[in-house]
N, C-alpha and C. Protein backbone atom coordinates (compact mmCIF):
# COMPACT_ATOMS: atom_id res chain seq x y z
N MET A 1 -34.33 -19.78 -0.58
CA MET A 1 -33.05 -20.39 -0.33
C MET A 1 -31.90 -19.42 -0.59
N ALA A 2 -32.01 -18.65 -1.68
CA ALA A 2 -30.95 -17.69 -2.00
C ALA A 2 -30.90 -16.58 -0.95
N GLY A 3 -32.05 -16.20 -0.41
CA GLY A 3 -32.07 -15.17 0.63
C GLY A 3 -31.36 -15.62 1.89
N ALA A 4 -31.54 -16.88 2.27
CA ALA A 4 -30.87 -17.42 3.46
C ALA A 4 -29.36 -17.47 3.25
N ALA A 5 -28.93 -17.86 2.06
CA ALA A 5 -27.50 -17.90 1.77
C ALA A 5 -26.90 -16.49 1.83
N GLY A 6 -27.63 -15.52 1.33
CA GLY A 6 -27.16 -14.13 1.39
C GLY A 6 -27.02 -13.64 2.82
N GLN A 7 -28.01 -13.99 3.64
CA GLN A 7 -27.94 -13.58 5.05
C GLN A 7 -26.75 -14.22 5.75
N ILE A 8 -26.46 -15.46 5.44
CA ILE A 8 -25.30 -16.13 6.05
C ILE A 8 -24.01 -15.45 5.61
N ILE A 9 -23.92 -15.10 4.35
CA ILE A 9 -22.71 -14.43 3.85
C ILE A 9 -22.53 -13.08 4.54
N TYR A 10 -23.62 -12.31 4.67
CA TYR A 10 -23.52 -11.02 5.36
C TYR A 10 -23.19 -11.19 6.84
N ALA A 11 -23.73 -12.22 7.47
CA ALA A 11 -23.43 -12.46 8.88
C ALA A 11 -21.97 -12.84 9.08
N VAL A 12 -21.43 -13.66 8.20
CA VAL A 12 -20.02 -14.04 8.30
C VAL A 12 -19.13 -12.82 8.06
N THR A 13 -19.48 -12.00 7.10
CA THR A 13 -18.71 -10.78 6.83
C THR A 13 -18.74 -9.84 8.02
N ALA A 14 -19.91 -9.67 8.62
CA ALA A 14 -20.03 -8.80 9.81
C ALA A 14 -19.21 -9.36 10.97
N THR A 15 -19.25 -10.66 11.16
CA THR A 15 -18.48 -11.28 12.24
C THR A 15 -16.98 -11.07 12.03
N MET A 16 -16.53 -11.22 10.80
CA MET A 16 -15.11 -10.99 10.51
C MET A 16 -14.74 -9.53 10.77
N GLY A 17 -15.63 -8.61 10.43
CA GLY A 17 -15.38 -7.19 10.69
C GLY A 17 -15.29 -6.90 12.17
N PHE A 18 -16.19 -7.49 12.96
CA PHE A 18 -16.13 -7.31 14.42
C PHE A 18 -14.83 -7.87 14.97
N GLY A 19 -14.38 -8.98 14.42
CA GLY A 19 -13.11 -9.56 14.87
C GLY A 19 -11.94 -8.64 14.57
N MET A 20 -11.94 -8.03 13.39
CA MET A 20 -10.86 -7.09 13.05
C MET A 20 -10.89 -5.87 13.96
N LEU A 21 -12.09 -5.36 14.24
CA LEU A 21 -12.20 -4.19 15.11
C LEU A 21 -11.79 -4.52 16.54
N SER A 22 -12.06 -5.75 16.98
CA SER A 22 -11.71 -6.11 18.36
C SER A 22 -10.20 -6.20 18.56
N ARG A 23 -9.45 -6.40 17.49
CA ARG A 23 -7.99 -6.47 17.61
C ARG A 23 -7.32 -5.09 17.61
N GLU A 24 -8.07 -4.07 17.25
CA GLU A 24 -7.52 -2.71 17.21
C GLU A 24 -7.73 -2.02 18.55
N ASN A 25 -6.80 -1.15 18.90
CA ASN A 25 -6.93 -0.34 20.11
C ASN A 25 -7.70 0.92 19.74
N LEU A 26 -9.00 0.92 20.01
CA LEU A 26 -9.85 2.05 19.62
C LEU A 26 -9.88 3.15 20.66
N SER A 27 -9.26 2.94 21.80
CA SER A 27 -9.29 3.95 22.85
C SER A 27 -8.06 4.86 22.80
N HIS A 28 -7.11 4.58 21.94
CA HIS A 28 -5.89 5.38 21.87
C HIS A 28 -5.68 5.84 20.44
N GLY A 29 -5.23 7.04 20.29
CA GLY A 29 -4.94 7.56 18.97
C GLY A 29 -6.20 7.93 18.21
N THR A 30 -6.12 7.83 16.91
CA THR A 30 -7.23 8.26 16.06
C THR A 30 -8.07 7.10 15.54
N ASN A 31 -7.77 5.87 15.93
CA ASN A 31 -8.52 4.72 15.42
C ASN A 31 -10.01 4.83 15.72
N GLY A 32 -10.37 5.17 16.93
CA GLY A 32 -11.77 5.29 17.30
C GLY A 32 -12.45 6.44 16.58
N ILE A 33 -11.70 7.50 16.34
CA ILE A 33 -12.25 8.66 15.63
C ILE A 33 -12.52 8.31 14.17
N VAL A 34 -11.76 7.42 13.60
CA VAL A 34 -11.99 6.99 12.22
C VAL A 34 -13.16 6.01 12.15
N VAL A 35 -13.22 5.06 13.08
CA VAL A 35 -14.24 4.01 13.02
C VAL A 35 -15.64 4.57 13.27
N ALA A 36 -15.80 5.46 14.24
CA ALA A 36 -17.13 5.94 14.62
C ALA A 36 -17.84 6.67 13.47
N PRO A 37 -17.25 7.69 12.84
CA PRO A 37 -17.97 8.34 11.74
C PRO A 37 -18.16 7.43 10.53
N ALA A 38 -17.19 6.56 10.24
CA ALA A 38 -17.33 5.65 9.11
C ALA A 38 -18.49 4.69 9.34
N LEU A 39 -18.65 4.23 10.57
CA LEU A 39 -19.78 3.37 10.91
C LEU A 39 -21.10 4.13 10.78
N CYS A 40 -21.11 5.38 11.20
CA CYS A 40 -22.32 6.21 11.07
C CYS A 40 -22.68 6.41 9.60
N VAL A 41 -21.70 6.71 8.77
CA VAL A 41 -21.96 6.91 7.34
C VAL A 41 -22.46 5.60 6.72
N GLY A 42 -21.90 4.47 7.15
CA GLY A 42 -22.34 3.20 6.64
C GLY A 42 -23.75 2.81 7.07
N LEU A 43 -24.18 3.28 8.24
CA LEU A 43 -25.51 2.95 8.72
C LEU A 43 -26.59 3.93 8.26
N LEU A 44 -26.21 5.08 7.74
CA LEU A 44 -27.19 6.06 7.28
C LEU A 44 -28.18 5.50 6.25
N PRO A 45 -27.73 4.74 5.25
CA PRO A 45 -28.72 4.22 4.29
C PRO A 45 -29.75 3.29 4.93
N VAL A 46 -29.40 2.68 6.04
CA VAL A 46 -30.33 1.78 6.72
C VAL A 46 -31.35 2.57 7.53
N PHE A 47 -30.86 3.56 8.27
CA PHE A 47 -31.73 4.29 9.19
C PHE A 47 -32.41 5.51 8.57
N ALA A 48 -31.82 6.08 7.53
CA ALA A 48 -32.42 7.27 6.90
C ALA A 48 -32.25 7.20 5.38
N PRO A 49 -32.90 6.23 4.73
CA PRO A 49 -32.73 6.10 3.27
C PRO A 49 -33.25 7.29 2.49
N GLU A 50 -34.21 8.02 3.06
CA GLU A 50 -34.76 9.19 2.35
C GLU A 50 -33.78 10.35 2.31
N MET A 51 -32.70 10.26 3.04
CA MET A 51 -31.71 11.34 3.09
C MET A 51 -31.07 11.58 1.71
N TYR A 52 -31.00 10.53 0.91
CA TYR A 52 -30.33 10.63 -0.38
C TYR A 52 -31.31 10.81 -1.54
N ALA A 53 -32.57 11.05 -1.27
CA ALA A 53 -33.60 11.14 -2.32
C ALA A 53 -33.34 12.29 -3.29
N GLY A 54 -32.76 13.39 -2.84
CA GLY A 54 -32.54 14.54 -3.70
C GLY A 54 -31.25 14.49 -4.49
N LEU A 55 -30.45 13.47 -4.30
CA LEU A 55 -29.17 13.37 -5.01
C LEU A 55 -29.36 12.77 -6.40
N PRO A 56 -28.40 13.01 -7.29
CA PRO A 56 -28.48 12.37 -8.61
C PRO A 56 -28.41 10.84 -8.48
N VAL A 57 -28.76 10.15 -9.56
CA VAL A 57 -28.84 8.69 -9.53
C VAL A 57 -27.49 8.06 -9.18
N TRP A 58 -26.41 8.58 -9.75
CA TRP A 58 -25.09 7.99 -9.47
C TRP A 58 -24.72 8.15 -8.00
N ALA A 59 -25.08 9.26 -7.39
CA ALA A 59 -24.77 9.48 -5.97
C ALA A 59 -25.64 8.60 -5.08
N ARG A 60 -26.89 8.39 -5.47
CA ARG A 60 -27.76 7.48 -4.70
C ARG A 60 -27.23 6.06 -4.78
N THR A 61 -26.65 5.70 -5.92
CA THR A 61 -26.07 4.37 -6.07
C THR A 61 -24.89 4.19 -5.12
N VAL A 62 -24.05 5.20 -5.04
CA VAL A 62 -22.86 5.11 -4.18
C VAL A 62 -23.25 5.21 -2.71
N PHE A 63 -24.01 6.21 -2.35
CA PHE A 63 -24.32 6.45 -0.94
C PHE A 63 -25.50 5.63 -0.44
N GLY A 64 -26.23 4.97 -1.33
CA GLY A 64 -27.38 4.18 -0.92
C GLY A 64 -27.01 2.84 -0.31
N SER A 65 -25.77 2.43 -0.45
CA SER A 65 -25.30 1.18 0.13
C SER A 65 -24.38 1.51 1.30
N GLY A 66 -24.58 0.84 2.42
CA GLY A 66 -23.77 1.12 3.60
C GLY A 66 -22.30 0.83 3.38
N VAL A 67 -21.99 -0.27 2.71
CA VAL A 67 -20.59 -0.62 2.46
C VAL A 67 -19.97 0.37 1.49
N ALA A 68 -20.71 0.71 0.44
CA ALA A 68 -20.18 1.64 -0.56
C ALA A 68 -19.98 3.04 0.01
N ALA A 69 -20.72 3.41 1.03
CA ALA A 69 -20.55 4.73 1.64
C ALA A 69 -19.55 4.70 2.79
N GLY A 70 -19.59 3.65 3.60
CA GLY A 70 -18.73 3.58 4.78
C GLY A 70 -17.27 3.32 4.48
N ALA A 71 -16.99 2.48 3.49
CA ALA A 71 -15.60 2.15 3.17
C ALA A 71 -14.81 3.37 2.69
N PRO A 72 -15.31 4.14 1.72
CA PRO A 72 -14.55 5.35 1.33
C PRO A 72 -14.44 6.36 2.47
N ALA A 73 -15.48 6.44 3.30
CA ALA A 73 -15.41 7.36 4.44
C ALA A 73 -14.28 6.95 5.38
N ALA A 74 -14.15 5.65 5.63
CA ALA A 74 -13.07 5.17 6.50
C ALA A 74 -11.70 5.42 5.89
N VAL A 75 -11.58 5.21 4.58
CA VAL A 75 -10.29 5.42 3.91
C VAL A 75 -9.90 6.90 3.97
N VAL A 76 -10.84 7.77 3.66
CA VAL A 76 -10.55 9.21 3.67
C VAL A 76 -10.21 9.68 5.09
N LEU A 77 -11.00 9.26 6.07
CA LEU A 77 -10.72 9.66 7.46
C LEU A 77 -9.38 9.13 7.94
N ALA A 78 -9.05 7.90 7.61
CA ALA A 78 -7.75 7.34 8.02
C ALA A 78 -6.60 8.10 7.38
N ALA A 79 -6.76 8.49 6.12
CA ALA A 79 -5.71 9.26 5.45
C ALA A 79 -5.56 10.64 6.07
N VAL A 80 -6.68 11.30 6.35
CA VAL A 80 -6.63 12.65 6.94
C VAL A 80 -6.03 12.60 8.33
N PHE A 81 -6.54 11.70 9.18
CA PHE A 81 -6.03 11.63 10.55
C PHE A 81 -4.64 11.03 10.61
N GLY A 82 -4.26 10.24 9.62
CA GLY A 82 -2.90 9.72 9.57
C GLY A 82 -1.88 10.84 9.36
N ARG A 83 -2.28 11.84 8.58
CA ARG A 83 -1.39 12.98 8.34
C ARG A 83 -1.46 14.02 9.46
N LEU A 84 -2.68 14.29 9.94
CA LEU A 84 -2.87 15.37 10.90
C LEU A 84 -2.84 14.92 12.35
N GLY A 85 -3.07 13.64 12.59
CA GLY A 85 -3.19 13.13 13.95
C GLY A 85 -1.86 13.05 14.66
N PRO A 86 -1.89 12.69 15.94
CA PRO A 86 -0.65 12.57 16.71
C PRO A 86 0.17 11.39 16.21
N LYS A 87 1.47 11.54 16.27
CA LYS A 87 2.37 10.47 15.86
C LYS A 87 2.52 9.49 17.01
N GLU A 88 2.34 8.20 16.71
CA GLU A 88 2.47 7.19 17.75
C GLU A 88 3.95 6.90 17.97
N GLU A 89 4.30 6.74 19.24
CA GLU A 89 5.68 6.42 19.57
C GLU A 89 5.92 4.95 19.34
N LYS A 90 7.05 4.65 18.69
CA LYS A 90 7.41 3.26 18.49
C LYS A 90 8.16 2.79 19.72
N PRO A 91 7.92 1.55 20.15
CA PRO A 91 8.64 1.06 21.33
C PRO A 91 10.13 0.96 21.04
N ARG A 92 10.90 1.34 22.03
CA ARG A 92 12.36 1.30 21.88
C ARG A 92 12.84 -0.12 22.04
N ALA A 93 13.82 -0.47 21.23
CA ALA A 93 14.42 -1.80 21.36
C ALA A 93 15.42 -1.76 22.52
N GLU A 94 15.39 -2.82 23.34
CA GLU A 94 16.32 -2.89 24.45
C GLU A 94 17.72 -3.18 23.92
N PRO A 95 18.73 -2.54 24.50
CA PRO A 95 20.08 -2.82 24.04
C PRO A 95 20.45 -4.27 24.36
N ALA A 96 21.28 -4.85 23.50
CA ALA A 96 21.70 -6.23 23.72
C ALA A 96 22.54 -6.33 24.98
N LYS A 97 22.31 -7.37 25.74
CA LYS A 97 23.07 -7.57 26.98
C LYS A 97 24.44 -8.13 26.63
N GLU A 98 25.45 -7.56 27.27
CA GLU A 98 26.80 -8.04 27.03
C GLU A 98 27.07 -9.23 27.94
N PRO A 99 27.80 -10.22 27.45
CA PRO A 99 28.09 -11.38 28.30
C PRO A 99 28.98 -11.00 29.48
N VAL A 100 28.75 -11.66 30.59
CA VAL A 100 29.55 -11.42 31.79
C VAL A 100 30.90 -12.07 31.61
N ALA A 101 31.95 -11.37 32.00
CA ALA A 101 33.31 -11.89 31.85
C ALA A 101 33.45 -13.18 32.65
N GLY A 102 34.01 -14.21 32.04
CA GLY A 102 34.26 -15.47 32.71
C GLY A 102 33.09 -16.43 32.64
N ALA A 103 31.94 -16.01 32.20
CA ALA A 103 30.79 -16.89 32.12
C ALA A 103 30.72 -17.48 30.71
N GLU A 104 30.57 -18.78 30.63
CA GLU A 104 30.47 -19.45 29.36
C GLU A 104 29.07 -20.02 29.19
N VAL A 105 28.65 -20.08 27.98
CA VAL A 105 27.33 -20.62 27.70
C VAL A 105 27.33 -22.12 27.98
N GLY A 106 26.36 -22.56 28.74
CA GLY A 106 26.22 -23.99 29.02
C GLY A 106 27.01 -24.47 30.21
N SER A 107 27.80 -23.60 30.87
CA SER A 107 28.57 -24.05 32.04
C SER A 107 27.77 -23.78 33.30
N ALA A 108 27.87 -24.68 34.23
CA ALA A 108 27.16 -24.54 35.50
C ALA A 108 27.96 -23.67 36.44
N PRO A 109 27.31 -22.93 37.35
CA PRO A 109 28.04 -22.03 38.25
C PRO A 109 28.80 -22.77 39.32
């Protein structure tokens, strides 16, 4: 019973993560460059757990979990690319329209 509850919690967390990623524009700027390696680092413990066998115990604890490895990787990559990456242009605000002389609000033409 506890295993099923854990799977549901992980599934809900994964679904929320996919929802957050779907709202981001990953094809422009550095967002995709940050997400791809962080996802790879997070999946390494699943696909190649023996990769960390030679590390000290504390490092295996940190890097042996996908979340514990992927989250810091994403934070570091976002910080690095935030400083070094291209600056995104902010949309310009349109100038306020001036009222036409003789026109009053609420009057019919």
